[in-house]
């Protein structure tokens, strides 16, 4: 039998969790923007007359900046953590002229 996951069983680090959060925030932003464009197109082409529609088609547009800001903060944090982890220790005599 095959296991459900073929990934390695190493423990997830904080960096891995942060990367996953950035990906999910980016996906959420993209899907919200797609829904916002679809509802705007529906409003422009069909112009539904339901009373609730006027609020419903605008709701995704209000969520787009929220998800964009969330993604941006998570991405900046991810880059900061990655930059901090990539610092190399340079030997003292490494920068000496040849």
C-alpha atoms as a PDB file:
ATOM      1  CA  UNK A   1       0.000   0.000   0.000  1.00  0.00           C
ATOM      2  CA  UNK A   2       1.079   3.531  -0.667  1.00  0.00           C
ATOM      3  CA  UNK A   3       1.062   6.059   2.080  1.00  0.00           C
ATOM      4  CA  UNK A   4      -1.056   9.113   1.551  1.00  0.00           C
ATOM      5  CA  UNK A   5       1.949  11.400   1.647  1.00  0.00           C
ATOM      6  CA  UNK A   6       5.280  10.692   0.026  1.00  0.00           C
ATOM      7  CA  UNK A   7       6.990  13.667   1.663  1.00  0.00           C
ATOM      8  CA  UNK A   8       9.834  13.102   4.031  1.00  0.00           C
ATOM      9  CA  UNK A   9       8.982  12.800   7.683  1.00  0.00           C
ATOM     10  CA  UNK A  10      11.316  15.581   8.836  1.00  0.00           C
ATOM     11  CA  UNK A  11       9.816  18.038  11.298  1.00  0.00           C
ATOM     12  CA  UNK A  12       8.518  21.266   9.820  1.00  0.00           C
ATOM     13  CA  UNK A  13      10.495  24.331  10.747  1.00  0.00           C
ATOM     14  CA  UNK A  14       9.167  27.803  11.425  1.00  0.00           C
ATOM     15  CA  UNK A  15      10.495  28.822   8.013  1.00  0.00           C
ATOM     16  CA  UNK A  16       8.488  26.031   6.340  1.00  0.00           C
ATOM     17  CA  UNK A  17       5.329  27.112   8.143  1.00  0.00           C
ATOM     18  CA  UNK A  18       5.923  30.736   7.137  1.00  0.00           C
ATOM     19  CA  UNK A  19       6.424  29.716   3.505  1.00  0.00           C
ATOM     20  CA  UNK A  20       3.175  27.749   3.592  1.00  0.00           C
ATOM     21  CA  UNK A  21       1.343  30.745   5.062  1.00  0.00           C
ATOM     22  CA  UNK A  22       2.702  32.997   2.314  1.00  0.00           C
ATOM     23  CA  UNK A  23       1.527  30.548  -0.340  1.00  0.00           C
ATOM     24  CA  UNK A  24      -1.946  30.271   1.154  1.00  0.00           C
ATOM     25  CA  UNK A  25      -2.255  34.054   1.494  1.00  0.00           C
ATOM     26  CA  UNK A  26      -1.190  34.457  -2.147  1.00  0.00           C
ATOM     27  CA  UNK A  27      -3.698  31.875  -3.310  1.00  0.00           C
ATOM     28  CA  UNK A  28      -6.436  33.477  -1.259  1.00  0.00           C
ATOM     29  CA  UNK A  29      -5.594  36.857  -2.771  1.00  0.00           C
ATOM     30  CA  UNK A  30      -5.710  35.462  -6.307  1.00  0.00           C
ATOM     31  CA  UNK A  31      -8.996  33.636  -5.810  1.00  0.00           C
ATOM     32  CA  UNK A  32     -10.601  36.640  -4.141  1.00  0.00           C
ATOM     33  CA  UNK A  33      -9.522  38.842  -7.031  1.00  0.00           C
ATOM     34  CA  UNK A  34     -10.913  36.311  -9.516  1.00  0.00           C
ATOM     35  CA  UNK A  35     -14.266  36.244  -7.705  1.00  0.00           C
ATOM     36  CA  UNK A  36     -14.285  40.040  -7.562  1.00  0.00           C
ATOM     37  CA  UNK A  37     -13.756  40.276 -11.318  1.00  0.00           C
ATOM     38  CA  UNK A  38     -16.443  37.678 -11.999  1.00  0.00           C
ATOM     39  CA  UNK A  39     -18.989  39.465  -9.813  1.00  0.00           C
ATOM     40  CA  UNK A  40     -18.120  42.807 -11.438  1.00  0.00           C
ATOM     41  CA  UNK A  41     -18.588  41.270 -14.881  1.00  0.00           C
ATOM     42  CA  UNK A  42     -21.915  39.797 -13.779  1.00  0.00           C
ATOM     43  CA  UNK A  43     -22.984  43.213 -12.494  1.00  0.00           C
ATOM     44  CA  UNK A  44     -21.999  44.857 -15.774  1.00  0.00           C
ATOM     45  CA  UNK A  45     -23.525  42.289 -18.126  1.00  0.00           C
ATOM     46  CA  UNK A  46     -26.511  40.833 -16.294  1.00  0.00           C
ATOM     47  CA  UNK A  47     -27.267  43.558 -13.735  1.00  0.00           C
ATOM     48  CA  UNK A  48     -29.212  41.325 -11.303  1.00  0.00           C
ATOM     49  CA  UNK A  49     -32.084  43.081  -9.581  1.00  0.00           C
ATOM     50  CA  UNK A  50     -31.978  41.205  -6.267  1.00  0.00           C
ATOM     51  CA  UNK A  51     -31.752  43.466  -3.237  1.00  0.00           C
ATOM     52  CA  UNK A  52     -28.814  41.547  -1.751  1.00  0.00           C
ATOM     53  CA  UNK A  53     -26.811  41.638  -4.988  1.00  0.00           C
ATOM     54  CA  UNK A  54     -25.688  45.249  -4.596  1.00  0.00           C
ATOM     55  CA  UNK A  55     -23.799  44.341  -1.414  1.00  0.00           C
ATOM     56  CA  UNK A  56     -22.715  40.871  -2.541  1.00  0.00           C
ATOM     57  CA  UNK A  57     -20.885  41.887  -5.713  1.00  0.00           C
ATOM     58  CA  UNK A  58     -18.843  44.520  -3.892  1.00  0.00           C
ATOM     59  CA  UNK A  59     -17.780  42.302  -0.963  1.00  0.00           C
ATOM     60  CA  UNK A  60     -14.815  40.643  -2.736  1.00  0.00           C
ATOM     61  CA  UNK A  61     -13.477  44.068  -3.714  1.00  0.00           C
ATOM     62  CA  UNK A  62     -13.359  45.033  -0.048  1.00  0.00           C
ATOM     63  CA  UNK A  63     -11.445  41.839   0.767  1.00  0.00           C
ATOM     64  CA  UNK A  64      -8.764  42.250  -1.926  1.00  0.00           C
ATOM     65  CA  UNK A  65      -6.780  44.971  -0.079  1.00  0.00           C
ATOM     66  CA  UNK A  66      -7.017  43.016   3.175  1.00  0.00           C
ATOM     67  CA  UNK A  67      -5.557  39.868   1.585  1.00  0.00           C
ATOM     68  CA  UNK A  68      -2.973  41.911  -0.346  1.00  0.00           C
ATOM     69  CA  UNK A  69      -1.746  43.541   2.855  1.00  0.00           C
ATOM     70  CA  UNK A  70      -1.713  40.183   4.652  1.00  0.00           C
ATOM     71  CA  UNK A  71       0.293  38.590   1.846  1.00  0.00           C
ATOM     72  CA  UNK A  72       2.731  41.530   1.696  1.00  0.00           C
ATOM     73  CA  UNK A  73       3.436  41.417   5.434  1.00  0.00           C
ATOM     74  CA  UNK A  74       3.916  37.643   5.392  1.00  0.00           C
ATOM     75  CA  UNK A  75       6.177  37.860   2.330  1.00  0.00           C
ATOM     76  CA  UNK A  76       8.336  40.584   3.892  1.00  0.00           C
ATOM     77  CA  UNK A  77       8.633  38.482   7.032  1.00  0.00           C
ATOM     78  CA  UNK A  78       9.581  35.430   4.970  1.00  0.00           C
ATOM     79  CA  UNK A  79      12.302  37.381   3.141  1.00  0.00           C
ATOM     80  CA  UNK A  80      13.612  38.805   6.408  1.00  0.00           C
ATOM     81  CA  UNK A  81      13.834  35.362   7.996  1.00  0.00           C
ATOM     82  CA  UNK A  82      15.448  33.883   4.876  1.00  0.00           C
ATOM     83  CA  UNK A  83      18.008  36.690   4.739  1.00  0.00           C
ATOM     84  CA  UNK A  84      18.833  36.289   8.398  1.00  0.00           C
ATOM     85  CA  UNK A  85      19.340  32.538   7.988  1.00  0.00           C
ATOM     86  CA  UNK A  86      21.558  32.914   4.907  1.00  0.00           C
ATOM     87  CA  UNK A  87      24.237  34.997   6.613  1.00  0.00           C
ATOM     88  CA  UNK A  88      27.580  33.394   5.974  1.00  0.00           C
ATOM     89  CA  UNK A  89      30.465  33.360   8.358  1.00  0.00           C
ATOM     90  CA  UNK A  90      33.483  34.663   6.440  1.00  0.00           C
ATOM     91  CA  UNK A  91      36.911  33.727   7.794  1.00  0.00           C
ATOM     92  CA  UNK A  92      38.984  36.688   8.978  1.00  0.00           C
ATOM     93  CA  UNK A  93      41.741  36.087   6.461  1.00  0.00           C
ATOM     94  CA  UNK A  94      39.343  35.622   3.539  1.00  0.00           C
ATOM     95  CA  UNK A  95      39.348  39.295   2.541  1.00  0.00           C
ATOM     96  CA  UNK A  96      43.133  39.618   2.664  1.00  0.00           C
ATOM     97  CA  UNK A  97      44.739  40.526  -0.660  1.00  0.00           C
ATOM     98  CA  UNK A  98      46.414  37.694  -2.499  1.00  0.00           C
END
